[in-house]
Amino acid sequence: MKKIENGNTVTVNYTGRLEDGTIFDSSLNEGREPLTAVLGEGKLIKGFESGLIDMTEGEKKTIEIESDDAYGPYRDEMVTDIPKTQVPEGVKPGETLQGMSPQGPVMVRILEVDEDTVKIDANHPLAGQKLIFDLEVINID
C-alpha cells in the first residue's frame, strides 16, 4: 500500500482542537472540503506535514503538535501599543484588524482601547498552543 512521502499530493480530512477540547478548525464542517496539498512545499504547518508522512490511503490517526512545530511560541514582543489614530474609529477589544508589516499584511487582535492608544497583539491566535489533529487520508497522488 502506498505511503505518503514528500512530493505527494494528499487529500485529507482533519479536525483541529486544543488541549482543552476546543475545536478551532475542521474540514468536516458543513460547506467545507477536505484539504488537498503537496507535501514538502511548506504550505502546511511543519508538524501537520510530518504527521502525514508514512500514512496510507484510508488511514486515520491523531497527532499532537507542539507550538514550535505549529504557529510558534507566544511572543510578548508582538504585543504593542499604537496611537488610536492608526485604527478605525470605534474598534473594540476582541476585534481583529489587518495591518501592514515590512513582510506584508498581518492580522492583529485588539486587546485594549484607551483614550489615546490601542494595545494590539500580532501573534497568531494559536501561537503558544499545542494542537491536536484527527486526520483521515482520503487520497494520495
N, C-alpha and C. Protein backbone atom coordinates (compact mmCIF):
# COMPACT_ATOMS: atom_id res chain seq x y z
N MET A 1 0.85 -1.18 0.00
CA MET A 1 0.00 0.00 0.00
C MET A 1 0.90 1.25 0.00
N LYS A 2 0.53 2.23 -0.80
CA LYS A 2 1.32 3.44 -0.95
C LYS A 2 1.31 4.28 0.33
N LYS A 3 2.51 4.71 0.75
CA LYS A 3 2.64 5.56 1.93
C LYS A 3 2.96 6.99 1.48
N ILE A 4 2.45 7.96 2.25
CA ILE A 4 2.68 9.38 1.94
C ILE A 4 4.15 9.72 2.15
N GLU A 5 4.70 10.46 1.18
CA GLU A 5 6.07 10.99 1.31
C GLU A 5 6.08 12.39 0.72
N ASN A 6 7.16 13.13 0.99
CA ASN A 6 7.30 14.47 0.44
C ASN A 6 7.15 14.43 -1.07
N GLY A 7 6.45 15.42 -1.62
CA GLY A 7 6.20 15.49 -3.04
C GLY A 7 4.85 14.94 -3.45
N ASN A 8 4.23 14.13 -2.56
CA ASN A 8 2.89 13.61 -2.86
C ASN A 8 1.85 14.72 -2.69
N THR A 9 0.82 14.66 -3.54
CA THR A 9 -0.37 15.48 -3.33
C THR A 9 -1.32 14.63 -2.50
N VAL A 10 -1.68 15.15 -1.34
CA VAL A 10 -2.56 14.38 -0.45
C VAL A 10 -3.86 15.13 -0.21
N THR A 11 -4.91 14.36 -0.05
CA THR A 11 -6.21 14.92 0.32
C THR A 11 -6.56 14.29 1.66
N VAL A 12 -6.89 15.14 2.62
CA VAL A 12 -7.08 14.67 3.98
C VAL A 12 -8.23 15.43 4.66
N ASN A 13 -9.03 14.70 5.42
CA ASN A 13 -9.98 15.33 6.32
C ASN A 13 -9.29 15.51 7.66
N TYR A 14 -9.61 16.60 8.34
CA TYR A 14 -8.96 16.87 9.62
C TYR A 14 -9.90 17.61 10.54
N THR A 15 -9.67 17.44 11.82
CA THR A 15 -10.30 18.26 12.84
C THR A 15 -9.19 18.67 13.79
N GLY A 16 -9.03 19.97 13.99
CA GLY A 16 -8.01 20.51 14.88
C GLY A 16 -8.63 20.98 16.17
N ARG A 17 -8.02 20.59 17.28
CA ARG A 17 -8.53 21.02 18.59
C ARG A 17 -7.38 21.37 19.51
N LEU A 18 -7.73 22.09 20.56
CA LEU A 18 -6.76 22.46 21.59
C LEU A 18 -6.79 21.42 22.70
N GLU A 19 -5.84 21.53 23.62
CA GLU A 19 -5.77 20.56 24.72
C GLU A 19 -7.04 20.53 25.57
N ASP A 20 -7.77 21.66 25.65
CA ASP A 20 -9.00 21.69 26.44
C ASP A 20 -10.20 21.14 25.67
N GLY A 21 -9.95 20.67 24.42
CA GLY A 21 -11.02 20.09 23.62
C GLY A 21 -11.69 21.05 22.65
N THR A 22 -11.38 22.34 22.74
CA THR A 22 -11.97 23.33 21.85
C THR A 22 -11.55 23.05 20.40
N ILE A 23 -12.53 22.89 19.53
CA ILE A 23 -12.25 22.69 18.10
C ILE A 23 -12.05 24.05 17.46
N PHE A 24 -10.89 24.23 16.79
CA PHE A 24 -10.61 25.52 16.15
C PHE A 24 -10.74 25.47 14.63
N ASP A 25 -10.78 24.27 14.04
CA ASP A 25 -10.94 24.16 12.59
C ASP A 25 -11.25 22.71 12.25
N SER A 26 -12.05 22.53 11.17
CA SER A 26 -12.35 21.18 10.72
C SER A 26 -12.79 21.21 9.26
N SER A 27 -12.26 20.28 8.48
CA SER A 27 -12.71 20.14 7.10
C SER A 27 -14.07 19.46 7.04
N LEU A 28 -14.54 18.94 8.16
CA LEU A 28 -15.81 18.22 8.20
C LEU A 28 -17.00 19.15 8.43
N ASN A 29 -16.74 20.45 8.69
CA ASN A 29 -17.83 21.40 8.88
C ASN A 29 -18.61 21.55 7.58
N GLU A 30 -19.90 21.83 7.70
CA GLU A 30 -20.76 21.99 6.53
C GLU A 30 -20.20 23.05 5.59
N GLY A 31 -20.17 22.71 4.31
CA GLY A 31 -19.68 23.64 3.30
C GLY A 31 -18.18 23.57 3.08
N ARG A 32 -17.48 22.79 3.87
CA ARG A 32 -16.02 22.67 3.74
C ARG A 32 -15.67 21.46 2.91
N GLU A 33 -14.48 21.47 2.38
CA GLU A 33 -13.95 20.36 1.59
C GLU A 33 -12.72 19.80 2.29
N PRO A 34 -12.35 18.55 2.00
CA PRO A 34 -11.08 18.04 2.53
C PRO A 34 -9.92 18.93 2.05
N LEU A 35 -8.85 18.93 2.80
CA LEU A 35 -7.65 19.69 2.46
C LEU A 35 -6.83 18.91 1.45
N THR A 36 -6.40 19.59 0.38
CA THR A 36 -5.51 18.99 -0.59
C THR A 36 -4.25 19.85 -0.68
N ALA A 37 -3.09 19.22 -0.54
CA ALA A 37 -1.82 19.96 -0.58
C ALA A 37 -0.70 19.04 -1.04
N VAL A 38 0.36 19.67 -1.56
CA VAL A 38 1.57 18.93 -1.92
C VAL A 38 2.50 19.01 -0.73
N LEU A 39 2.90 17.86 -0.19
CA LEU A 39 3.79 17.86 0.96
C LEU A 39 5.19 18.28 0.55
N GLY A 40 5.82 19.06 1.42
CA GLY A 40 7.19 19.50 1.16
C GLY A 40 7.27 20.89 0.58
N GLU A 41 6.13 21.50 0.26
CA GLU A 41 6.14 22.86 -0.28
C GLU A 41 6.11 23.92 0.81
N GLY A 42 5.93 23.51 2.06
CA GLY A 42 5.92 24.47 3.16
C GLY A 42 4.62 25.25 3.30
N LYS A 43 3.55 24.77 2.71
CA LYS A 43 2.27 25.48 2.79
C LYS A 43 1.44 25.06 4.00
N LEU A 44 1.85 23.97 4.63
CA LEU A 44 1.18 23.49 5.84
C LEU A 44 2.13 23.67 7.02
N ILE A 45 1.58 23.73 8.22
CA ILE A 45 2.47 23.83 9.37
C ILE A 45 3.33 22.56 9.44
N LYS A 46 4.55 22.74 9.92
CA LYS A 46 5.56 21.68 9.92
C LYS A 46 5.06 20.39 10.57
N GLY A 47 4.48 20.50 11.73
CA GLY A 47 4.02 19.31 12.45
C GLY A 47 2.88 18.58 11.76
N PHE A 48 2.03 19.32 11.04
CA PHE A 48 0.93 18.71 10.30
C PHE A 48 1.50 17.87 9.16
N GLU A 49 2.45 18.46 8.41
CA GLU A 49 3.10 17.73 7.31
C GLU A 49 3.79 16.48 7.81
N SER A 50 4.60 16.63 8.86
CA SER A 50 5.35 15.46 9.34
C SER A 50 4.42 14.38 9.90
N GLY A 51 3.27 14.78 10.41
CA GLY A 51 2.29 13.81 10.91
C GLY A 51 1.66 12.98 9.81
N LEU A 52 1.63 13.53 8.59
CA LEU A 52 1.05 12.80 7.45
C LEU A 52 2.02 11.80 6.82
N ILE A 53 3.34 12.04 6.99
CA ILE A 53 4.35 11.18 6.38
C ILE A 53 4.14 9.73 6.82
N ASP A 54 4.18 8.81 5.88
CA ASP A 54 4.03 7.37 6.07
C ASP A 54 2.61 6.90 6.32
N MET A 55 1.62 7.83 6.33
CA MET A 55 0.23 7.37 6.42
C MET A 55 -0.18 6.77 5.07
N THR A 56 -1.20 5.93 5.08
CA THR A 56 -1.70 5.29 3.87
C THR A 56 -3.13 5.75 3.60
N GLU A 57 -3.58 5.55 2.36
CA GLU A 57 -4.94 5.94 2.00
C GLU A 57 -5.94 5.21 2.89
N GLY A 58 -6.90 5.97 3.43
CA GLY A 58 -7.92 5.41 4.31
C GLY A 58 -7.51 5.37 5.78
N GLU A 59 -6.24 5.61 6.06
CA GLU A 59 -5.75 5.56 7.45
C GLU A 59 -6.25 6.76 8.24
N LYS A 60 -6.54 6.51 9.52
CA LYS A 60 -6.92 7.57 10.45
C LYS A 60 -5.94 7.54 11.60
N LYS A 61 -5.58 8.74 12.10
CA LYS A 61 -4.77 8.81 13.32
C LYS A 61 -4.89 10.19 13.93
N THR A 62 -4.49 10.28 15.17
CA THR A 62 -4.47 11.55 15.90
C THR A 62 -3.02 11.93 16.15
N ILE A 63 -2.69 13.19 15.85
CA ILE A 63 -1.33 13.69 16.10
C ILE A 63 -1.40 14.87 17.05
N GLU A 64 -0.33 15.04 17.82
CA GLU A 64 -0.18 16.20 18.70
C GLU A 64 1.01 16.99 18.22
N ILE A 65 0.82 18.30 18.06
CA ILE A 65 1.88 19.16 17.53
C ILE A 65 2.21 20.23 18.57
N GLU A 66 3.45 20.22 19.04
CA GLU A 66 3.89 21.24 19.98
C GLU A 66 3.94 22.59 19.26
N SER A 67 3.85 23.68 20.00
CA SER A 67 3.77 25.01 19.40
C SER A 67 4.94 25.33 18.47
N ASP A 68 6.15 24.83 18.78
CA ASP A 68 7.31 25.11 17.93
C ASP A 68 7.15 24.53 16.52
N ASP A 69 6.36 23.47 16.36
CA ASP A 69 6.12 22.87 15.06
C ASP A 69 4.75 23.27 14.50
N ALA A 70 4.11 24.26 15.15
CA ALA A 70 2.81 24.75 14.69
C ALA A 70 2.95 26.25 14.37
N TYR A 71 2.43 27.10 15.23
CA TYR A 71 2.49 28.55 14.98
C TYR A 71 3.51 29.25 15.86
N GLY A 72 4.39 28.48 16.48
CA GLY A 72 5.47 29.05 17.27
C GLY A 72 5.03 29.44 18.66
N PRO A 73 6.00 29.88 19.47
CA PRO A 73 5.68 30.29 20.83
C PRO A 73 4.95 31.64 20.82
N TYR A 74 4.24 31.90 21.90
CA TYR A 74 3.63 33.22 22.07
C TYR A 74 4.76 34.19 22.41
N ARG A 75 4.85 35.29 21.66
CA ARG A 75 5.95 36.23 21.85
C ARG A 75 5.42 37.56 22.37
N ASP A 76 5.84 37.92 23.60
CA ASP A 76 5.39 39.15 24.22
C ASP A 76 5.72 40.38 23.39
N GLU A 77 6.83 40.33 22.63
CA GLU A 77 7.22 41.49 21.84
C GLU A 77 6.27 41.75 20.66
N MET A 78 5.36 40.83 20.42
CA MET A 78 4.36 41.02 19.35
C MET A 78 3.13 41.78 19.86
N VAL A 79 3.15 42.13 21.15
CA VAL A 79 2.09 42.93 21.75
C VAL A 79 2.63 44.34 21.92
N THR A 80 1.91 45.32 21.39
CA THR A 80 2.41 46.70 21.43
C THR A 80 1.26 47.69 21.49
N ASP A 81 1.58 48.88 21.93
CA ASP A 81 0.62 49.98 21.93
C ASP A 81 0.87 50.84 20.70
N ILE A 82 -0.21 51.22 20.04
CA ILE A 82 -0.11 52.14 18.91
C ILE A 82 -1.07 53.30 19.14
N PRO A 83 -0.81 54.43 18.48
CA PRO A 83 -1.74 55.56 18.62
C PRO A 83 -3.14 55.18 18.12
N LYS A 84 -4.14 55.62 18.85
CA LYS A 84 -5.52 55.33 18.49
C LYS A 84 -5.87 55.86 17.10
N THR A 85 -5.15 56.89 16.66
CA THR A 85 -5.40 57.47 15.35
C THR A 85 -5.05 56.51 14.21
N GLN A 86 -4.31 55.42 14.51
CA GLN A 86 -3.90 54.47 13.46
C GLN A 86 -4.89 53.33 13.25
N VAL A 87 -6.00 53.33 13.98
CA VAL A 87 -7.01 52.28 13.82
C VAL A 87 -8.36 52.92 13.50
N PRO A 88 -9.26 52.17 12.88
CA PRO A 88 -10.59 52.73 12.59
C PRO A 88 -11.31 53.16 13.87
N GLU A 89 -12.09 54.18 13.75
CA GLU A 89 -12.86 54.68 14.89
C GLU A 89 -13.83 53.62 15.37
N GLY A 90 -13.96 53.48 16.68
CA GLY A 90 -14.93 52.57 17.26
C GLY A 90 -14.46 51.13 17.44
N VAL A 91 -13.17 50.86 17.26
CA VAL A 91 -12.70 49.47 17.46
C VAL A 91 -12.87 49.07 18.92
N LYS A 92 -13.08 47.77 19.12
CA LYS A 92 -13.32 47.25 20.47
C LYS A 92 -12.40 46.07 20.74
N PRO A 93 -12.06 45.83 22.01
CA PRO A 93 -11.26 44.66 22.36
C PRO A 93 -11.90 43.38 21.82
N GLY A 94 -11.04 42.47 21.32
CA GLY A 94 -11.50 41.22 20.75
C GLY A 94 -11.65 41.25 19.24
N GLU A 95 -11.74 42.45 18.67
CA GLU A 95 -11.85 42.56 17.21
C GLU A 95 -10.50 42.29 16.56
N THR A 96 -10.54 41.89 15.30
CA THR A 96 -9.34 41.62 14.53
C THR A 96 -9.27 42.61 13.37
N LEU A 97 -8.08 43.15 13.15
CA LEU A 97 -7.85 44.08 12.05
C LEU A 97 -6.68 43.59 11.22
N GLN A 98 -6.65 44.00 9.97
CA GLN A 98 -5.49 43.70 9.13
C GLN A 98 -4.58 44.92 9.13
N GLY A 99 -3.31 44.68 9.43
CA GLY A 99 -2.31 45.74 9.40
C GLY A 99 -1.22 45.40 8.39
N MET A 100 -0.25 46.29 8.27
CA MET A 100 0.87 46.04 7.37
C MET A 100 2.15 45.99 8.17
N SER A 101 3.00 45.02 7.82
CA SER A 101 4.33 44.90 8.41
C SER A 101 5.32 44.95 7.26
N PRO A 102 6.62 45.04 7.55
CA PRO A 102 7.60 45.01 6.46
C PRO A 102 7.51 43.73 5.62
N GLN A 103 6.96 42.64 6.19
CA GLN A 103 6.81 41.38 5.47
C GLN A 103 5.49 41.28 4.71
N GLY A 104 4.62 42.27 4.87
CA GLY A 104 3.33 42.25 4.19
C GLY A 104 2.17 42.31 5.18
N PRO A 105 0.96 41.93 4.72
CA PRO A 105 -0.22 42.01 5.59
C PRO A 105 -0.10 41.12 6.82
N VAL A 106 -0.62 41.60 7.93
CA VAL A 106 -0.62 40.84 9.18
C VAL A 106 -1.94 41.11 9.90
N MET A 107 -2.49 40.06 10.51
CA MET A 107 -3.72 40.21 11.29
C MET A 107 -3.33 40.52 12.74
N VAL A 108 -4.01 41.51 13.32
CA VAL A 108 -3.77 41.86 14.71
C VAL A 108 -5.08 41.83 15.47
N ARG A 109 -5.00 41.44 16.73
CA ARG A 109 -6.17 41.40 17.60
C ARG A 109 -6.10 42.58 18.54
N ILE A 110 -7.22 43.25 18.72
CA ILE A 110 -7.31 44.38 19.64
C ILE A 110 -7.46 43.84 21.06
N LEU A 111 -6.52 44.23 21.95
CA LEU A 111 -6.59 43.78 23.34
C LEU A 111 -7.24 44.81 24.25
N GLU A 112 -6.83 46.08 24.08
CA GLU A 112 -7.36 47.17 24.93
C GLU A 112 -7.48 48.43 24.10
N VAL A 113 -8.45 49.25 24.45
CA VAL A 113 -8.61 50.55 23.82
C VAL A 113 -8.66 51.59 24.93
N ASP A 114 -7.67 52.49 24.95
CA ASP A 114 -7.62 53.57 25.92
C ASP A 114 -7.97 54.88 25.22
N GLU A 115 -7.86 55.98 25.94
CA GLU A 115 -8.20 57.28 25.37
C GLU A 115 -7.32 57.63 24.17
N ASP A 116 -6.01 57.34 24.26
CA ASP A 116 -5.09 57.74 23.19
C ASP A 116 -4.40 56.59 22.48
N THR A 117 -4.44 55.38 23.08
CA THR A 117 -3.70 54.26 22.50
C THR A 117 -4.58 53.01 22.37
N VAL A 118 -4.10 52.10 21.54
CA VAL A 118 -4.75 50.80 21.36
C VAL A 118 -3.66 49.75 21.52
N LYS A 119 -3.90 48.76 22.39
CA LYS A 119 -2.95 47.66 22.55
C LYS A 119 -3.35 46.57 21.57
N ILE A 120 -2.39 46.18 20.70
CA ILE A 120 -2.65 45.16 19.69
C ILE A 120 -1.73 43.96 19.91
N ASP A 121 -2.20 42.81 19.45
CA ASP A 121 -1.44 41.55 19.55
C ASP A 121 -1.31 40.99 18.13
N ALA A 122 -0.06 40.91 17.64
CA ALA A 122 0.19 40.40 16.29
C ALA A 122 0.57 38.92 16.29
N ASN A 123 0.52 38.26 17.45
CA ASN A 123 0.75 36.81 17.48
C ASN A 123 -0.38 36.10 16.74
N HIS A 124 -0.06 34.97 16.11
CA HIS A 124 -1.11 34.14 15.53
C HIS A 124 -2.02 33.71 16.69
N PRO A 125 -3.34 33.64 16.47
CA PRO A 125 -4.24 33.25 17.56
C PRO A 125 -3.90 31.91 18.20
N LEU A 126 -3.21 31.03 17.47
CA LEU A 126 -2.86 29.71 18.01
C LEU A 126 -1.40 29.63 18.46
N ALA A 127 -0.69 30.76 18.48
CA ALA A 127 0.70 30.77 18.94
C ALA A 127 0.76 30.31 20.40
N GLY A 128 1.77 29.50 20.70
CA GLY A 128 1.97 29.02 22.06
C GLY A 128 1.08 27.86 22.45
N GLN A 129 0.27 27.37 21.53
CA GLN A 129 -0.67 26.30 21.84
C GLN A 129 -0.20 24.96 21.25
N LYS A 130 -0.43 23.90 22.00
CA LYS A 130 -0.27 22.55 21.45
C LYS A 130 -1.54 22.28 20.66
N LEU A 131 -1.37 21.78 19.42
CA LEU A 131 -2.51 21.49 18.56
C LEU A 131 -2.67 19.98 18.42
N ILE A 132 -3.90 19.53 18.43
CA ILE A 132 -4.21 18.10 18.28
C ILE A 132 -5.08 17.96 17.04
N PHE A 133 -4.66 17.11 16.11
CA PHE A 133 -5.41 16.91 14.88
C PHE A 133 -5.83 15.45 14.74
N ASP A 134 -7.09 15.26 14.41
CA ASP A 134 -7.59 13.96 13.98
C ASP A 134 -7.52 13.98 12.46
N LEU A 135 -6.78 13.05 11.87
CA LEU A 135 -6.53 13.01 10.44
C LEU A 135 -7.15 11.77 9.81
N GLU A 136 -7.63 11.91 8.57
CA GLU A 136 -8.05 10.78 7.76
C GLU A 136 -7.60 11.03 6.34
N VAL A 137 -6.73 10.16 5.83
CA VAL A 137 -6.21 10.31 4.48
C VAL A 137 -7.27 9.81 3.49
N ILE A 138 -7.68 10.69 2.57
CA ILE A 138 -8.70 10.37 1.57
C ILE A 138 -8.03 9.87 0.28
N ASN A 139 -6.93 10.56 -0.12
CA ASN A 139 -6.29 10.22 -1.40
C ASN A 139 -4.82 10.60 -1.37
N ILE A 140 -4.00 9.82 -2.08
CA ILE A 140 -2.58 10.11 -2.25
C ILE A 140 -2.28 10.06 -3.74
N ASP A 141 -1.73 11.14 -4.29
CA ASP A 141 -1.30 11.18 -5.70
C ASP A 141 0.18 11.38 -5.77
